[in-house]
Amino acid sequence: MKSKIVEVKESNIHNRGLFALQDIDEGRLIIEYIGERISKKKADLREVENDKIGVTYIFCLNDDCYIDGKYGGNESIYVNHSCEPNCKVVRKNAKIYFYSKRFINKGEELTIDYSYDKDSKKELCRCGSRKCRGVINEV
């Protein structure tokens, strides 16, 4: 079922993004990140393939379980990275949710901080925020 408060549109950050269809108050649950649940081993194997095409939808739930939004996911896979995000990731009850960190205006793109591991391959950031780190990785 599609969300009634967000929509997928072209993004200035990367390809497509998820945008607010209405004003969203701070602290509101926006969307659950869903997809196929896979092991760390399977996630690592898929990441090798994903590197070839330059996109991944694998999200870490915990040390043992990952969620691959490419398989059975919803529009939450289009939430792009920002070094100054307006949403936060909340893991609870073996699920991943995106909540608003602040008031979000209708039409604004929804973003989270991907916080890729600082020791992994550096990924350039295109968020354009005032606090941009230059990479999606933690520094």
N, C-alpha and C. Protein backbone atom coordinates (compact mmCIF):
# COMPACT_ATOMS: atom_id res chain seq x y z
N MET A 1 0.84 -1.18 0.00
CA MET A 1 0.00 0.00 0.00
C MET A 1 0.89 1.25 0.00
N LYS A 2 0.60 2.17 -0.87
CA LYS A 2 1.38 3.41 -0.97
C LYS A 2 1.03 4.36 0.17
N SER A 3 2.05 5.11 0.58
CA SER A 3 1.87 6.11 1.61
C SER A 3 1.07 7.29 1.06
N LYS A 4 0.28 7.89 1.90
CA LYS A 4 -0.52 9.05 1.49
C LYS A 4 0.19 10.36 1.83
N ILE A 5 1.36 10.28 2.48
CA ILE A 5 2.03 11.52 2.87
C ILE A 5 3.34 11.75 2.12
N VAL A 6 3.76 10.79 1.28
CA VAL A 6 5.00 10.94 0.52
C VAL A 6 4.81 10.47 -0.92
N GLU A 7 5.69 10.99 -1.79
CA GLU A 7 5.67 10.55 -3.19
C GLU A 7 7.10 10.53 -3.73
N VAL A 8 7.33 9.70 -4.75
CA VAL A 8 8.62 9.60 -5.40
C VAL A 8 8.65 10.58 -6.57
N LYS A 9 9.73 11.39 -6.62
CA LYS A 9 9.91 12.36 -7.71
C LYS A 9 11.40 12.46 -8.02
N GLU A 10 11.70 13.16 -9.10
CA GLU A 10 13.09 13.42 -9.46
C GLU A 10 13.75 14.24 -8.34
N SER A 11 15.01 13.87 -8.03
CA SER A 11 15.73 14.51 -6.93
C SER A 11 16.96 15.26 -7.43
N ASN A 12 17.26 16.38 -6.78
CA ASN A 12 18.50 17.10 -7.06
C ASN A 12 19.70 16.42 -6.38
N ILE A 13 19.44 15.56 -5.43
CA ILE A 13 20.52 14.87 -4.72
C ILE A 13 21.00 13.67 -5.52
N HIS A 14 20.06 12.79 -5.90
CA HIS A 14 20.44 11.59 -6.66
C HIS A 14 19.21 10.97 -7.30
N ASN A 15 19.17 10.96 -8.60
CA ASN A 15 18.15 10.24 -9.35
C ASN A 15 16.73 10.58 -8.88
N ARG A 16 16.15 9.71 -8.10
CA ARG A 16 14.81 9.94 -7.56
C ARG A 16 14.89 10.04 -6.04
N GLY A 17 13.93 10.72 -5.47
CA GLY A 17 13.88 10.88 -4.02
C GLY A 17 12.45 10.79 -3.52
N LEU A 18 12.29 10.81 -2.21
CA LEU A 18 10.98 10.75 -1.58
C LEU A 18 10.64 12.14 -1.05
N PHE A 19 9.46 12.64 -1.37
CA PHE A 19 9.07 14.01 -1.04
C PHE A 19 7.76 14.03 -0.25
N ALA A 20 7.64 15.02 0.62
CA ALA A 20 6.45 15.19 1.46
C ALA A 20 5.29 15.71 0.62
N LEU A 21 4.15 15.05 0.72
CA LEU A 21 2.92 15.50 0.05
C LEU A 21 2.14 16.49 0.91
N GLN A 22 2.57 16.62 2.16
CA GLN A 22 1.92 17.54 3.09
C GLN A 22 2.95 17.96 4.13
N ASP A 23 2.65 18.98 4.92
CA ASP A 23 3.51 19.34 6.03
C ASP A 23 3.56 18.16 7.00
N ILE A 24 4.76 17.91 7.56
CA ILE A 24 4.95 16.79 8.48
C ILE A 24 5.54 17.34 9.77
N ASP A 25 4.86 17.11 10.88
CA ASP A 25 5.33 17.59 12.18
C ASP A 25 6.55 16.81 12.65
N GLU A 26 7.35 17.43 13.49
CA GLU A 26 8.51 16.79 14.10
C GLU A 26 8.06 15.55 14.89
N GLY A 27 8.85 14.48 14.79
CA GLY A 27 8.58 13.26 15.55
C GLY A 27 7.55 12.33 14.96
N ARG A 28 7.10 12.61 13.76
CA ARG A 28 6.06 11.78 13.14
C ARG A 28 6.67 10.59 12.41
N LEU A 29 6.05 9.43 12.57
CA LEU A 29 6.41 8.25 11.78
C LEU A 29 6.02 8.54 10.34
N ILE A 30 6.99 8.40 9.44
CA ILE A 30 6.72 8.69 8.03
C ILE A 30 6.50 7.41 7.24
N ILE A 31 7.43 6.46 7.39
CA ILE A 31 7.33 5.25 6.59
C ILE A 31 8.21 4.16 7.19
N GLU A 32 7.81 2.91 6.99
CA GLU A 32 8.63 1.77 7.37
C GLU A 32 9.48 1.34 6.18
N TYR A 33 10.74 1.01 6.44
CA TYR A 33 11.62 0.48 5.40
C TYR A 33 11.38 -1.02 5.33
N ILE A 34 10.86 -1.48 4.20
CA ILE A 34 10.55 -2.90 4.08
C ILE A 34 11.30 -3.52 2.91
N GLY A 35 11.37 -4.84 2.93
CA GLY A 35 12.04 -5.59 1.88
C GLY A 35 12.36 -6.99 2.36
N GLU A 36 13.16 -7.67 1.58
CA GLU A 36 13.55 -9.04 1.92
C GLU A 36 14.55 -9.03 3.07
N ARG A 37 14.32 -9.86 4.06
CA ARG A 37 15.25 -10.01 5.18
C ARG A 37 16.32 -11.01 4.79
N ILE A 38 17.58 -10.59 4.93
CA ILE A 38 18.69 -11.44 4.53
C ILE A 38 19.78 -11.43 5.60
N SER A 39 20.66 -12.43 5.52
CA SER A 39 21.78 -12.54 6.46
C SER A 39 22.89 -11.56 6.07
N LYS A 40 23.83 -11.35 6.97
CA LYS A 40 24.99 -10.51 6.68
C LYS A 40 25.78 -11.09 5.52
N LYS A 41 25.93 -12.40 5.48
CA LYS A 41 26.68 -13.05 4.40
C LYS A 41 26.03 -12.76 3.04
N LYS A 42 24.71 -12.90 2.98
CA LYS A 42 24.00 -12.63 1.73
C LYS A 42 24.06 -11.14 1.37
N ALA A 43 23.98 -10.28 2.38
CA ALA A 43 24.08 -8.83 2.14
C ALA A 43 25.45 -8.48 1.56
N ASP A 44 26.51 -9.09 2.10
CA ASP A 44 27.85 -8.84 1.59
C ASP A 44 27.99 -9.27 0.14
N LEU A 45 27.41 -10.41 -0.20
CA LEU A 45 27.45 -10.90 -1.59
C LEU A 45 26.68 -9.97 -2.53
N ARG A 46 25.52 -9.52 -2.08
CA ARG A 46 24.72 -8.61 -2.91
C ARG A 46 25.40 -7.26 -3.08
N GLU A 47 26.11 -6.80 -2.06
CA GLU A 47 26.82 -5.52 -2.15
C GLU A 47 27.86 -5.55 -3.27
N VAL A 48 28.52 -6.68 -3.46
CA VAL A 48 29.50 -6.80 -4.54
C VAL A 48 28.81 -6.58 -5.89
N GLU A 49 27.66 -7.18 -6.07
CA GLU A 49 26.89 -7.00 -7.31
C GLU A 49 26.36 -5.57 -7.41
N ASN A 50 25.90 -5.02 -6.30
CA ASN A 50 25.36 -3.66 -6.30
C ASN A 50 26.42 -2.63 -6.67
N ASP A 51 27.67 -2.87 -6.26
CA ASP A 51 28.76 -1.95 -6.60
C ASP A 51 28.92 -1.82 -8.11
N LYS A 52 28.61 -2.88 -8.84
CA LYS A 52 28.74 -2.87 -10.30
C LYS A 52 27.72 -1.95 -10.95
N ILE A 53 26.54 -1.85 -10.34
CA ILE A 53 25.49 -1.00 -10.93
C ILE A 53 25.39 0.36 -10.23
N GLY A 54 26.09 0.51 -9.10
CA GLY A 54 26.16 1.80 -8.43
C GLY A 54 24.98 2.17 -7.57
N VAL A 55 24.18 1.20 -7.17
CA VAL A 55 23.04 1.49 -6.30
C VAL A 55 22.78 0.28 -5.40
N THR A 56 22.39 0.57 -4.16
CA THR A 56 22.04 -0.51 -3.25
C THR A 56 20.85 -0.08 -2.40
N TYR A 57 20.05 -1.05 -2.02
CA TYR A 57 18.90 -0.78 -1.16
C TYR A 57 18.96 -1.64 0.10
N ILE A 58 20.18 -2.06 0.47
CA ILE A 58 20.36 -2.92 1.64
C ILE A 58 20.57 -2.04 2.87
N PHE A 59 19.77 -2.32 3.90
CA PHE A 59 19.78 -1.53 5.12
C PHE A 59 20.02 -2.48 6.29
N CYS A 60 20.95 -2.12 7.16
CA CYS A 60 21.27 -2.96 8.32
C CYS A 60 20.23 -2.79 9.41
N LEU A 61 19.59 -3.90 9.79
CA LEU A 61 18.67 -3.89 10.92
C LEU A 61 19.46 -4.13 12.21
N ASN A 62 20.30 -5.16 12.18
CA ASN A 62 21.19 -5.47 13.30
C ASN A 62 22.36 -6.30 12.77
N ASP A 63 23.22 -6.78 13.65
CA ASP A 63 24.41 -7.51 13.21
C ASP A 63 24.09 -8.77 12.40
N ASP A 64 22.92 -9.34 12.61
CA ASP A 64 22.56 -10.61 11.97
C ASP A 64 21.56 -10.48 10.83
N CYS A 65 20.88 -9.37 10.74
CA CYS A 65 19.79 -9.23 9.78
C CYS A 65 19.86 -7.92 9.02
N TYR A 66 19.68 -8.02 7.72
CA TYR A 66 19.66 -6.87 6.83
C TYR A 66 18.35 -6.90 6.06
N ILE A 67 17.93 -5.75 5.58
CA ILE A 67 16.71 -5.66 4.78
C ILE A 67 17.11 -5.12 3.41
N ASP A 68 16.77 -5.88 2.36
CA ASP A 68 17.07 -5.46 0.99
C ASP A 68 15.78 -4.98 0.36
N GLY A 69 15.66 -3.67 0.26
CA GLY A 69 14.46 -3.04 -0.29
C GLY A 69 14.26 -3.26 -1.78
N LYS A 70 15.30 -3.78 -2.45
CA LYS A 70 15.17 -4.08 -3.89
C LYS A 70 14.15 -5.19 -4.11
N TYR A 71 13.99 -6.03 -3.11
CA TYR A 71 13.07 -7.17 -3.21
C TYR A 71 11.93 -6.99 -2.21
N GLY A 72 10.77 -6.63 -2.72
CA GLY A 72 9.59 -6.47 -1.87
C GLY A 72 9.54 -5.15 -1.12
N GLY A 73 10.37 -4.20 -1.53
CA GLY A 73 10.40 -2.91 -0.84
C GLY A 73 9.28 -1.98 -1.26
N ASN A 74 9.25 -0.83 -0.64
CA ASN A 74 8.26 0.20 -0.98
C ASN A 74 9.00 1.48 -1.35
N GLU A 75 8.30 2.59 -1.37
CA GLU A 75 8.91 3.85 -1.79
C GLU A 75 9.95 4.37 -0.80
N SER A 76 10.08 3.74 0.36
CA SER A 76 11.09 4.17 1.32
C SER A 76 12.51 4.01 0.77
N ILE A 77 12.70 3.17 -0.24
CA ILE A 77 14.04 2.99 -0.81
C ILE A 77 14.55 4.25 -1.48
N TYR A 78 13.69 5.22 -1.72
CA TYR A 78 14.08 6.46 -2.40
C TYR A 78 14.48 7.59 -1.45
N VAL A 79 14.54 7.30 -0.16
CA VAL A 79 15.01 8.31 0.78
C VAL A 79 16.52 8.45 0.57
N ASN A 80 16.94 9.63 0.14
CA ASN A 80 18.35 9.89 -0.14
C ASN A 80 19.12 10.32 1.10
N HIS A 81 20.44 10.31 0.96
CA HIS A 81 21.34 10.74 2.04
C HIS A 81 21.46 12.25 2.08
N SER A 82 21.59 12.78 3.29
CA SER A 82 22.01 14.16 3.50
C SER A 82 22.87 14.21 4.76
N CYS A 83 23.87 15.05 4.74
CA CYS A 83 24.70 15.27 5.93
C CYS A 83 23.95 16.10 6.97
N GLU A 84 22.83 16.69 6.56
CA GLU A 84 21.96 17.48 7.44
C GLU A 84 20.52 17.00 7.23
N PRO A 85 20.24 15.74 7.65
CA PRO A 85 18.96 15.10 7.32
C PRO A 85 17.78 15.68 8.09
N ASN A 86 16.59 15.51 7.50
CA ASN A 86 15.37 15.93 8.18
C ASN A 86 14.62 14.74 8.77
N CYS A 87 15.15 13.54 8.58
CA CYS A 87 14.54 12.33 9.14
C CYS A 87 15.60 11.53 9.89
N LYS A 88 15.13 10.69 10.80
CA LYS A 88 16.03 9.80 11.53
C LYS A 88 15.56 8.37 11.39
N VAL A 89 16.49 7.46 11.55
CA VAL A 89 16.22 6.02 11.46
C VAL A 89 15.96 5.51 12.86
N VAL A 90 14.87 4.77 13.03
CA VAL A 90 14.55 4.14 14.31
C VAL A 90 14.36 2.65 14.06
N ARG A 91 15.13 1.85 14.80
CA ARG A 91 15.02 0.39 14.72
C ARG A 91 14.29 -0.06 15.97
N LYS A 92 13.12 -0.69 15.79
CA LYS A 92 12.38 -1.23 16.94
C LYS A 92 11.49 -2.36 16.49
N ASN A 93 11.31 -3.31 17.38
CA ASN A 93 10.47 -4.48 17.10
C ASN A 93 10.88 -5.17 15.80
N ALA A 94 12.20 -5.28 15.60
CA ALA A 94 12.78 -5.96 14.42
C ALA A 94 12.33 -5.31 13.10
N LYS A 95 12.11 -4.00 13.14
CA LYS A 95 11.73 -3.25 11.95
C LYS A 95 12.51 -1.96 11.90
N ILE A 96 12.52 -1.33 10.72
CA ILE A 96 13.20 -0.05 10.51
C ILE A 96 12.15 0.98 10.11
N TYR A 97 12.18 2.11 10.80
CA TYR A 97 11.23 3.19 10.52
C TYR A 97 11.98 4.49 10.29
N PHE A 98 11.38 5.37 9.49
CA PHE A 98 11.90 6.72 9.31
C PHE A 98 10.92 7.69 9.98
N TYR A 99 11.45 8.50 10.89
CA TYR A 99 10.69 9.52 11.60
C TYR A 99 11.23 10.90 11.24
N SER A 100 10.38 11.89 11.29
CA SER A 100 10.83 13.26 11.03
C SER A 100 11.64 13.77 12.24
N LYS A 101 12.79 14.38 11.96
CA LYS A 101 13.63 14.97 13.01
C LYS A 101 13.19 16.38 13.36
N ARG A 102 12.48 17.00 12.42
CA ARG A 102 12.03 18.38 12.57
C ARG A 102 10.79 18.55 11.71
N PHE A 103 10.20 19.73 11.75
CA PHE A 103 9.07 20.02 10.87
C PHE A 103 9.56 19.96 9.43
N ILE A 104 8.81 19.28 8.57
CA ILE A 104 9.15 19.14 7.15
C ILE A 104 8.04 19.79 6.34
N ASN A 105 8.43 20.69 5.45
CA ASN A 105 7.46 21.39 4.62
C ASN A 105 6.96 20.51 3.48
N LYS A 106 5.71 20.72 3.10
CA LYS A 106 5.15 20.06 1.92
C LYS A 106 6.07 20.33 0.74
N GLY A 107 6.40 19.28 -0.02
CA GLY A 107 7.26 19.42 -1.18
C GLY A 107 8.74 19.20 -0.90
N GLU A 108 9.12 19.16 0.37
CA GLU A 108 10.53 18.99 0.75
C GLU A 108 10.94 17.53 0.58
N GLU A 109 12.19 17.34 0.13
CA GLU A 109 12.71 15.97 0.00
C GLU A 109 13.07 15.42 1.38
N LEU A 110 12.71 14.15 1.62
CA LEU A 110 13.02 13.48 2.87
C LEU A 110 14.41 12.86 2.78
N THR A 111 15.22 13.05 3.82
CA THR A 111 16.58 12.55 3.81
C THR A 111 16.95 11.96 5.16
N ILE A 112 17.91 11.04 5.12
CA ILE A 112 18.52 10.48 6.32
C ILE A 112 20.03 10.55 6.15
N ASP A 113 20.76 10.35 7.22
CA ASP A 113 22.22 10.26 7.13
C ASP A 113 22.56 8.78 7.00
N TYR A 114 23.06 8.38 5.84
CA TYR A 114 23.39 6.98 5.61
C TYR A 114 24.50 6.50 6.54
N SER A 115 25.40 7.39 6.92
CA SER A 115 26.48 7.05 7.86
C SER A 115 27.20 5.76 7.50
N TYR A 116 27.63 5.66 6.24
CA TYR A 116 28.42 4.49 5.85
C TYR A 116 29.65 4.42 6.74
N ASP A 117 30.12 3.22 6.98
CA ASP A 117 31.28 2.99 7.83
C ASP A 117 32.47 3.82 7.34
N LYS A 118 33.17 4.45 8.26
CA LYS A 118 34.31 5.31 7.89
C LYS A 118 35.44 4.52 7.25
N ASP A 119 35.51 3.22 7.51
CA ASP A 119 36.58 2.39 6.95
C ASP A 119 36.22 1.74 5.62
N SER A 120 34.97 1.89 5.19
CA SER A 120 34.57 1.31 3.90
C SER A 120 34.91 2.28 2.77
N LYS A 121 34.73 1.80 1.54
CA LYS A 121 35.03 2.62 0.36
C LYS A 121 34.30 3.97 0.47
N LYS A 122 35.03 5.04 0.24
CA LYS A 122 34.45 6.38 0.33
C LYS A 122 33.46 6.62 -0.80
N GLU A 123 32.28 7.10 -0.44
CA GLU A 123 31.23 7.41 -1.39
C GLU A 123 31.00 8.91 -1.37
N LEU A 124 31.12 9.56 -2.53
CA LEU A 124 30.93 11.00 -2.61
C LEU A 124 29.50 11.40 -2.26
N CYS A 125 29.38 12.52 -1.59
CA CYS A 125 28.07 13.04 -1.20
C CYS A 125 27.67 14.17 -2.14
N ARG A 126 26.39 14.22 -2.47
CA ARG A 126 25.85 15.27 -3.33
C ARG A 126 24.68 15.99 -2.66
N CYS A 127 24.67 15.97 -1.32
CA CYS A 127 23.49 16.51 -0.63
C CYS A 127 23.36 18.02 -0.75
N GLY A 128 24.49 18.72 -0.85
CA GLY A 128 24.43 20.16 -1.00
C GLY A 128 24.11 20.94 0.26
N SER A 129 24.08 20.27 1.41
CA SER A 129 23.76 20.98 2.66
C SER A 129 24.93 21.81 3.13
N ARG A 130 24.66 22.76 4.01
CA ARG A 130 25.71 23.61 4.58
C ARG A 130 26.72 22.78 5.37
N LYS A 131 26.29 21.67 5.92
CA LYS A 131 27.15 20.82 6.75
C LYS A 131 27.67 19.60 6.00
N CYS A 132 27.70 19.66 4.68
CA CYS A 132 28.11 18.50 3.88
C CYS A 132 29.54 18.08 4.23
N ARG A 133 29.72 16.77 4.47
CA ARG A 133 31.03 16.20 4.80
C ARG A 133 31.84 15.90 3.56
N GLY A 134 31.18 15.90 2.41
CA GLY A 134 31.86 15.55 1.15
C GLY A 134 31.77 14.08 0.82
N VAL A 135 31.49 13.26 1.82
CA VAL A 135 31.31 11.81 1.62
C VAL A 135 30.11 11.36 2.46
N ILE A 136 29.52 10.25 2.03
CA ILE A 136 28.39 9.67 2.74
C ILE A 136 28.88 8.94 4.00
N ASN A 137 30.14 8.58 4.01
CA ASN A 137 30.73 7.85 5.13
C ASN A 137 30.84 8.73 6.37
N GLU A 138 30.86 8.09 7.54
CA GLU A 138 31.16 8.80 8.75
C GLU A 138 32.61 9.26 8.67
N VAL A 139 32.92 10.36 9.31
CA VAL A 139 34.31 10.86 9.26
C VAL A 139 34.98 10.77 10.61
